[in-house]
Protein backbone atom coordinates (compact mmCIF):
# COMPACT_ATOMS: atom_id res chain seq x y z
CA MET A 1 69.49 11.68 -44.59
CA LYS A 2 71.23 8.80 -46.34
CA THR A 3 69.27 5.61 -46.75
CA HIS A 4 70.76 2.12 -46.80
CA THR A 5 69.59 -1.12 -48.32
CA LEU A 6 68.87 -4.12 -46.12
CA ASP A 7 71.94 -5.85 -47.57
CA GLU A 8 74.15 -2.89 -46.62
CA VAL A 9 72.83 -2.87 -43.06
CA GLN A 10 73.26 -6.62 -42.70
CA ASP A 11 76.79 -6.47 -44.09
CA LYS A 12 77.70 -3.75 -41.60
CA LEU A 13 76.01 -5.22 -38.51
CA ILE A 14 76.36 -8.97 -39.11
CA GLY A 15 79.19 -9.25 -41.60
CA LYS A 16 79.44 -9.74 -45.33
CA LYS A 17 78.09 -12.93 -46.90
CA GLY A 18 80.66 -15.71 -46.74
CA THR A 19 82.39 -14.41 -43.60
CA PRO A 20 82.45 -16.65 -40.50
CA GLU A 21 80.37 -14.10 -38.57
CA ARG A 22 77.63 -14.01 -41.20
CA ASP A 23 77.66 -17.79 -41.64
CA ARG A 24 77.27 -18.28 -37.88
CA PHE A 25 74.41 -15.76 -37.74
CA GLU A 26 72.56 -17.44 -40.60
CA TYR A 27 73.10 -20.88 -39.04
CA GLU A 28 71.67 -19.70 -35.69
CA LEU A 29 68.75 -18.06 -37.48
CA LYS A 30 67.90 -21.30 -39.27
CA LEU A 31 67.96 -23.20 -35.96
CA GLU A 32 65.65 -20.63 -34.40
CA MET A 33 63.27 -20.96 -37.33
CA ILE A 34 63.21 -24.76 -36.93
CA GLY A 35 62.48 -24.39 -33.20
CA HIS A 36 59.71 -21.90 -33.89
CA ALA A 37 58.18 -24.17 -36.53
CA ILE A 38 58.23 -27.13 -34.12
CA LYS A 39 56.57 -25.08 -31.39
CA GLN A 40 53.92 -23.69 -33.73
CA THR A 41 53.13 -27.12 -35.17
CA ARG A 42 53.03 -28.73 -31.72
CA LYS A 43 50.49 -26.14 -30.61
CA GLU A 44 48.42 -26.60 -33.80
CA ARG A 45 48.34 -30.34 -33.02
CA LYS A 46 47.17 -29.41 -29.49
CA LEU A 47 50.11 -31.16 -27.84
CA THR A 48 51.93 -30.00 -24.73
CA GLN A 49 55.71 -30.18 -24.54
CA ALA A 50 55.33 -33.08 -22.11
CA GLU A 51 53.03 -34.96 -24.50
CA LEU A 52 55.38 -34.46 -27.46
CA GLY A 53 58.32 -35.52 -25.30
CA SER A 54 56.46 -38.65 -24.26
CA LEU A 55 55.75 -39.51 -27.91
CA ILE A 56 59.45 -39.47 -28.76
CA GLY A 57 60.95 -40.64 -25.47
CA VAL A 58 62.42 -37.41 -24.08
CA LYS A 59 61.50 -35.13 -21.22
CA LYS A 60 59.50 -31.92 -21.50
CA ALA A 61 62.66 -29.91 -20.82
CA GLN A 62 64.31 -31.32 -23.96
CA ILE A 63 61.35 -30.22 -26.10
CA SER A 64 61.58 -26.76 -24.54
CA ARG A 65 65.30 -26.57 -25.33
CA ILE A 66 64.67 -27.63 -28.94
CA GLU A 67 61.91 -25.07 -29.39
CA ASN A 68 64.00 -22.30 -27.85
CA ASN A 69 67.28 -23.30 -29.53
CA THR A 70 69.12 -23.52 -26.21
CA SER A 71 70.85 -26.84 -26.73
CA ASN A 72 72.41 -28.96 -29.41
CA VAL A 73 70.07 -31.59 -30.76
CA THR A 74 70.83 -34.67 -32.79
CA ILE A 75 69.36 -35.26 -36.22
CA ASP A 76 67.80 -38.43 -34.81
CA THR A 77 65.91 -36.46 -32.17
CA LEU A 78 64.75 -33.89 -34.72
CA MET A 79 63.54 -36.65 -37.02
CA ARG A 80 61.57 -38.24 -34.17
CA VAL A 81 60.01 -34.84 -33.37
CA PHE A 82 59.04 -34.31 -37.01
CA SER A 83 57.66 -37.84 -37.23
CA ALA A 84 55.55 -37.36 -34.09
CA LEU A 85 54.21 -34.11 -35.58
CA HIS A 86 53.47 -35.91 -38.88
CA ALA A 87 55.75 -33.47 -40.68
CA LYS A 88 57.20 -34.14 -44.11
CA VAL A 89 60.96 -33.61 -44.02
CA LYS A 90 63.08 -32.64 -47.00
CA LEU A 91 66.81 -32.47 -46.46
CA GLN A 92 68.96 -30.70 -49.00
CA VAL A 93 72.72 -30.72 -48.72
CA GLU A 94 74.86 -28.72 -51.10
CA LEU A 95 78.54 -29.49 -50.99
CA PRO A 96 81.02 -27.13 -52.62
CA PRO A 97 83.15 -28.50 -55.44
CA TYR A 98 86.43 -29.91 -54.26
CA ALA A 99 89.87 -30.08 -55.75
CA SER A 100 91.14 -33.46 -56.85
CA ILE A 101 93.11 -35.32 -54.24
CA ASN A 102 96.10 -37.13 -55.62
CA ILE A 103 97.17 -40.08 -53.49
CA SER A 104 100.49 -41.61 -54.45
């Protein structure tokens, strides 16, 4: 029986790193992890979805959608959620190098 590394399995099932399919998968995974972290932290703080929603000015359904990654959410809303949960937020953006643009 041939064995495969995790990287080989991921490349075959999801796509190789750098492909649109793999990038989309990793993006969705990160969103799910954020939703899970919000839900876990909300529960640790002993807040219901309705109570958290009330703290930031949205309905319970919106908190549910954020936690379950079923809707697009603005950065503003996420920041309000994190603030209400007393979470420290670190945002890291890495932009690829770009070619010089020559404007004549």
